[in-house]
Amino acid sequence: MEIDQVTTNSYSVTGLTASTQYEFYVTALGEGGTESDPSNTVQATTTA
Protein backbone atom coordinates (compact mmCIF):
# COMPACT_ATOMS: atom_id res chain seq x y z
CA MET A 1 0.00 0.00 0.00
CA GLU A 2 1.43 3.39 -0.92
CA ILE A 3 1.26 5.72 2.04
CA ASP A 4 3.13 8.74 0.77
CA GLN A 5 5.69 10.13 -1.61
CA VAL A 6 8.75 11.57 0.10
CA THR A 7 11.83 13.42 -1.07
CA THR A 8 13.90 13.00 2.11
CA ASN A 9 15.54 10.04 3.80
CA SER A 10 13.29 10.05 6.87
CA TYR A 11 9.59 9.63 7.49
CA SER A 12 7.36 9.73 10.58
CA VAL A 13 4.34 7.48 10.88
CA THR A 14 1.53 8.71 13.11
CA GLY A 15 -1.71 7.23 14.38
CA LEU A 16 -0.30 3.79 15.21
CA THR A 17 -1.82 1.58 17.90
CA ALA A 18 0.12 1.26 21.18
CA SER A 19 1.94 -2.01 21.96
CA THR A 20 1.61 -3.20 18.36
CA GLN A 21 4.29 -4.58 16.06
CA TYR A 22 4.56 -3.09 12.57
CA GLU A 23 6.70 -3.95 9.55
CA PHE A 24 8.00 -1.36 7.11
CA TYR A 25 9.83 -1.42 3.80
CA VAL A 26 10.41 1.08 1.04
CA THR A 27 10.53 1.04 -2.73
CA ALA A 28 11.63 3.68 -5.19
CA LEU A 29 10.06 4.79 -8.45
CA GLY A 30 12.32 5.60 -11.36
CA GLU A 31 11.66 8.42 -13.80
CA GLY A 32 9.98 5.99 -16.17
CA GLY A 33 7.66 4.73 -13.44
CA THR A 34 9.54 1.48 -12.84
CA GLU A 35 9.37 0.39 -9.20
CA SER A 36 12.46 -0.99 -7.47
CA ASP A 37 12.57 -4.17 -5.46
CA PRO A 38 11.56 -3.58 -1.84
CA SER A 39 14.20 -2.82 0.77
CA ASN A 40 14.81 -5.15 3.67
CA THR A 41 11.85 -5.18 6.04
CA VAL A 42 12.25 -3.46 9.41
CA GLN A 43 10.11 -4.41 12.40
CA ALA A 44 9.19 -1.92 15.11
CA THR A 45 6.91 -2.16 18.12
CA THR A 46 5.13 0.89 19.49
CA THR A 47 5.28 1.63 23.20
CA ALA A 48 2.34 1.38 25.56
PDB file of N, CA and C in Angstrom:
ATOM      1  N   MET A   1       0.844  -1.158   0.000  1.00  0.00           N
ATOM      2  CA  MET A   1       0.000   0.000   0.000  1.00  0.00           C
ATOM      3  C   MET A   1       0.899   1.234   0.000  1.00  0.00           C
ATOM      4  N   GLU A   2       0.669   2.138  -0.908  1.00  0.00           N
ATOM      5  CA  GLU A   2       1.428   3.386  -0.923  1.00  0.00           C
ATOM      6  C   GLU A   2       0.857   4.317   0.131  1.00  0.00           C
ATOM      7  N   ILE A   3       1.742   4.808   0.999  1.00  0.00           N
ATOM      8  CA  ILE A   3       1.260   5.717   2.040  1.00  0.00           C
ATOM      9  C   ILE A   3       1.649   7.157   1.782  1.00  0.00           C
ATOM     10  N   ASP A   4       2.701   7.365   1.001  1.00  0.00           N
ATOM     11  CA  ASP A   4       3.133   8.739   0.774  1.00  0.00           C
ATOM     12  C   ASP A   4       4.266   8.757  -0.230  1.00  0.00           C
ATOM     13  N   GLN A   5       4.521   9.906  -0.773  1.00  0.00           N
ATOM     14  CA  GLN A   5       5.689  10.127  -1.608  1.00  0.00           C
ATOM     15  C   GLN A   5       6.581  11.107  -0.865  1.00  0.00           C
ATOM     16  N   VAL A   6       7.833  10.723  -0.659  1.00  0.00           N
ATOM     17  CA  VAL A   6       8.745  11.569   0.103  1.00  0.00           C
ATOM     18  C   VAL A   6       9.978  11.904  -0.723  1.00  0.00           C
ATOM     19  N   THR A   7      10.607  12.997  -0.381  1.00  0.00           N
ATOM     20  CA  THR A   7      11.829  13.416  -1.069  1.00  0.00           C
ATOM     21  C   THR A   7      13.001  13.516  -0.104  1.00  0.00           C
ATOM     22  N   THR A   8      12.832  13.003   1.115  1.00  0.00           N
ATOM     23  CA  THR A   8      13.901  13.002   2.112  1.00  0.00           C
ATOM     24  C   THR A   8      14.200  11.566   2.509  1.00  0.00           C
ATOM     25  N   ASN A   9      15.187  11.390   3.381  1.00  0.00           N
ATOM     26  CA  ASN A   9      15.540  10.037   3.804  1.00  0.00           C
ATOM     27  C   ASN A   9      14.987   9.686   5.183  1.00  0.00           C
ATOM     28  N   SER A  10      13.962  10.391   5.623  1.00  0.00           N
ATOM     29  CA  SER A  10      13.290  10.046   6.873  1.00  0.00           C
ATOM     30  C   SER A  10      11.790  10.251   6.712  1.00  0.00           C
ATOM     31  N   TYR A  11      11.043   9.552   7.563  1.00  0.00           N
ATOM     32  CA  TYR A  11       9.589   9.633   7.487  1.00  0.00           C
ATOM     33  C   TYR A  11       9.021   9.287   8.851  1.00  0.00           C
ATOM     34  N   SER A  12       8.030  10.009   9.310  1.00  0.00           N
ATOM     35  CA  SER A  12       7.362   9.732  10.585  1.00  0.00           C
ATOM     36  C   SER A  12       5.977   9.176  10.312  1.00  0.00           C
ATOM     37  N   VAL A  13       5.661   8.095  10.996  1.00  0.00           N
ATOM     38  CA  VAL A  13       4.344   7.477  10.875  1.00  0.00           C
ATOM     39  C   VAL A  13       3.562   7.832  12.131  1.00  0.00           C
ATOM     40  N   THR A  14       2.357   8.331  11.966  1.00  0.00           N
ATOM     41  CA  THR A  14       1.535   8.713  13.113  1.00  0.00           C
ATOM     42  C   THR A  14       0.259   7.879  13.134  1.00  0.00           C
ATOM     43  N   GLY A  15      -0.424   7.900  14.264  1.00  0.00           N
ATOM     44  CA  GLY A  15      -1.708   7.226  14.381  1.00  0.00           C
ATOM     45  C   GLY A  15      -1.617   5.723  14.563  1.00  0.00           C
ATOM     46  N   LEU A  16      -0.457   5.232  15.010  1.00  0.00           N
ATOM     47  CA  LEU A  16      -0.303   3.794  15.215  1.00  0.00           C
ATOM     48  C   LEU A  16      -0.881   3.380  16.564  1.00  0.00           C
ATOM     49  N   THR A  17      -1.255   2.129  16.669  1.00  0.00           N
ATOM     50  CA  THR A  17      -1.816   1.582  17.901  1.00  0.00           C
ATOM     51  C   THR A  17      -0.697   1.236  18.874  1.00  0.00           C
ATOM     52  N   ALA A  18      -0.884   1.554  20.155  1.00  0.00           N
ATOM     53  CA  ALA A  18       0.119   1.260  21.182  1.00  0.00           C
ATOM     54  C   ALA A  18       0.336  -0.241  21.321  1.00  0.00           C
ATOM     55  N   SER A  19       1.557  -0.614  21.694  1.00  0.00           N
ATOM     56  CA  SER A  19       1.939  -2.012  21.957  1.00  0.00           C
ATOM     57  C   SER A  19       1.634  -2.924  20.776  1.00  0.00           C
ATOM     58  N   THR A  20       1.894  -2.447  19.582  1.00  0.00           N
ATOM     59  CA  THR A  20       1.613  -3.202  18.363  1.00  0.00           C
ATOM     60  C   THR A  20       2.863  -3.256  17.500  1.00  0.00           C
ATOM     61  N   GLN A  21       3.134  -4.436  16.934  1.00  0.00           N
ATOM     62  CA  GLN A  21       4.294  -4.585  16.056  1.00  0.00           C
ATOM     63  C   GLN A  21       3.902  -4.242  14.623  1.00  0.00           C
ATOM     64  N   TYR A  22       4.764  -3.482  13.966  1.00  0.00           N
ATOM     65  CA  TYR A  22       4.562  -3.095  12.571  1.00  0.00           C
ATOM     66  C   TYR A  22       5.790  -3.483  11.763  1.00  0.00           C
ATOM     67  N   GLU A  23       5.599  -3.687  10.470  1.00  0.00           N
ATOM     68  CA  GLU A  23       6.700  -3.947   9.553  1.00  0.00           C
ATOM     69  C   GLU A  23       6.682  -2.883   8.469  1.00  0.00           C
ATOM     70  N   PHE A  24       7.878  -2.408   8.107  1.00  0.00           N
ATOM     71  CA  PHE A  24       8.001  -1.358   7.107  1.00  0.00           C
ATOM     72  C   PHE A  24       9.044  -1.743   6.069  1.00  0.00           C
ATOM     73  N   TYR A  25       8.812  -1.334   4.844  1.00  0.00           N
ATOM     74  CA  TYR A  25       9.827  -1.417   3.799  1.00  0.00           C
ATOM     75  C   TYR A  25       9.573  -0.279   2.829  1.00  0.00           C
ATOM     76  N   VAL A  26      10.562   0.001   2.019  1.00  0.00           N
ATOM     77  CA  VAL A  26      10.415   1.079   1.043  1.00  0.00           C
ATOM     78  C   VAL A  26      10.740   0.568  -0.355  1.00  0.00           C
ATOM     79  N   THR A  27      10.168   1.233  -1.338  1.00  0.00           N
ATOM     80  CA  THR A  27      10.532   1.036  -2.735  1.00  0.00           C
ATOM     81  C   THR A  27      10.757   2.413  -3.343  1.00  0.00           C
ATOM     82  N   ALA A  28      11.385   2.414  -4.488  1.00  0.00           N
ATOM     83  CA  ALA A  28      11.629   3.676  -5.193  1.00  0.00           C
ATOM     84  C   ALA A  28      11.028   3.586  -6.584  1.00  0.00           C
ATOM     85  N   LEU A  29      10.570   4.718  -7.085  1.00  0.00           N
ATOM     86  CA  LEU A  29      10.059   4.790  -8.451  1.00  0.00           C
ATOM     87  C   LEU A  29      11.049   5.551  -9.308  1.00  0.00           C
ATOM     88  N   GLY A  30      11.441   4.933 -10.427  1.00  0.00           N
ATOM     89  CA  GLY A  30      12.324   5.604 -11.363  1.00  0.00           C
ATOM     90  C   GLY A  30      11.553   6.601 -12.201  1.00  0.00           C
ATOM     91  N   GLU A  31      12.288   7.395 -12.969  1.00  0.00           N
ATOM     92  CA  GLU A  31      11.655   8.422 -13.798  1.00  0.00           C
ATOM     93  C   GLU A  31      10.650   7.833 -14.772  1.00  0.00           C
ATOM     94  N   GLY A  32      10.898   6.628 -15.244  1.00  0.00           N
ATOM     95  CA  GLY A  32       9.979   5.985 -16.175  1.00  0.00           C
ATOM     96  C   GLY A  32       8.820   5.277 -15.500  1.00  0.00           C
ATOM     97  N   GLY A  33       8.748   5.366 -14.164  1.00  0.00           N
ATOM     98  CA  GLY A  33       7.660   4.729 -13.437  1.00  0.00           C
ATOM     99  C   GLY A  33       7.948   3.308 -13.005  1.00  0.00           C
ATOM    100  N   THR A  34       9.172   2.830 -13.240  1.00  0.00           N
ATOM    101  CA  THR A  34       9.537   1.480 -12.838  1.00  0.00           C
ATOM    102  C   THR A  34       9.815   1.447 -11.342  1.00  0.00           C
ATOM    103  N   GLU A  35       9.194   0.498 -10.649  1.00  0.00           N
ATOM    104  CA  GLU A  35       9.368   0.388  -9.202  1.00  0.00           C
ATOM    105  C   GLU A  35      10.519  -0.550  -8.869  1.00  0.00           C
ATOM    106  N   SER A  36      11.342  -0.161  -7.901  1.00  0.00           N
ATOM    107  CA  SER A  36      12.459  -0.992  -7.468  1.00  0.00           C
ATOM    108  C   SER A  36      11.960  -2.168  -6.642  1.00  0.00           C
ATOM    109  N   ASP A  37      12.863  -3.106  -6.417  1.00  0.00           N
ATOM    110  CA  ASP A  37      12.569  -4.167  -5.464  1.00  0.00           C
ATOM    111  C   ASP A  37      12.443  -3.537  -4.081  1.00  0.00           C
ATOM    112  N   PRO A  38      11.690  -4.152  -3.185  1.00  0.00           N
ATOM    113  CA  PRO A  38      11.556  -3.582  -1.840  1.00  0.00           C
ATOM    114  C   PRO A  38      12.862  -3.694  -1.057  1.00  0.00           C
ATOM    115  N   SER A  39      13.057  -2.767  -0.143  1.00  0.00           N
ATOM    116  CA  SER A  39      14.201  -2.822   0.768  1.00  0.00           C
ATOM    117  C   SER A  39      13.996  -3.976   1.744  1.00  0.00           C
ATOM    118  N   ASN A  40      14.996  -4.201   2.580  1.00  0.00           N
ATOM    119  CA  ASN A  40      14.807  -5.145   3.673  1.00  0.00           C
ATOM    120  C   ASN A  40      13.685  -4.631   4.571  1.00  0.00           C
ATOM    121  N   THR A  41      12.941  -5.546   5.149  1.00  0.00           N
ATOM    122  CA  THR A  41      11.847  -5.182   6.044  1.00  0.00           C
ATOM    123  C   THR A  41      12.402  -4.889   7.433  1.00  0.00           C
ATOM    124  N   VAL A  42      11.881  -3.839   8.049  1.00  0.00           N
ATOM    125  CA  VAL A  42      12.252  -3.464   9.413  1.00  0.00           C
ATOM    126  C   VAL A  42      11.022  -3.638  10.287  1.00  0.00           C
ATOM    127  N   GLN A  43      11.210  -4.251  11.455  1.00  0.00           N
ATOM    128  CA  GLN A  43      10.108  -4.413  12.399  1.00  0.00           C
ATOM    129  C   GLN A  43      10.279  -3.422  13.544  1.00  0.00           C
ATOM    130  N   ALA A  44       9.183  -2.854  13.977  1.00  0.00           N
ATOM    131  CA  ALA A  44       9.195  -1.919  15.106  1.00  0.00           C
ATOM    132  C   ALA A  44       7.922  -2.128  15.916  1.00  0.00           C
ATOM    133  N   THR A  45       8.056  -2.026  17.229  1.00  0.00           N
ATOM    134  CA  THR A  45       6.905  -2.156  18.121  1.00  0.00           C
ATOM    135  C   THR A  45       6.687  -0.834  18.836  1.00  0.00           C
ATOM    136  N   THR A  46       5.462  -0.351  18.805  1.00  0.00           N
ATOM    137  CA  THR A  46       5.134   0.893  19.488  1.00  0.00           C
ATOM    138  C   THR A  46       5.108   0.664  20.995  1.00  0.00           C
ATOM    139  N   THR A  47       5.313   1.731  21.746  1.00  0.00           N
ATOM    140  CA  THR A  47       5.284   1.634  23.204  1.00  0.00           C
ATOM    141  C   THR A  47       3.852   1.737  23.710  1.00  0.00           C
ATOM    142  N   ALA A  48       3.680   1.349  24.951  1.00  0.00           N
ATOM    143  CA  ALA A  48       2.339   1.377  25.557  1.00  0.00           C
ATOM    144  C   ALA A  48       1.855   2.782  25.794  1.00  0.00           C
TER     145      ALA A  48
END
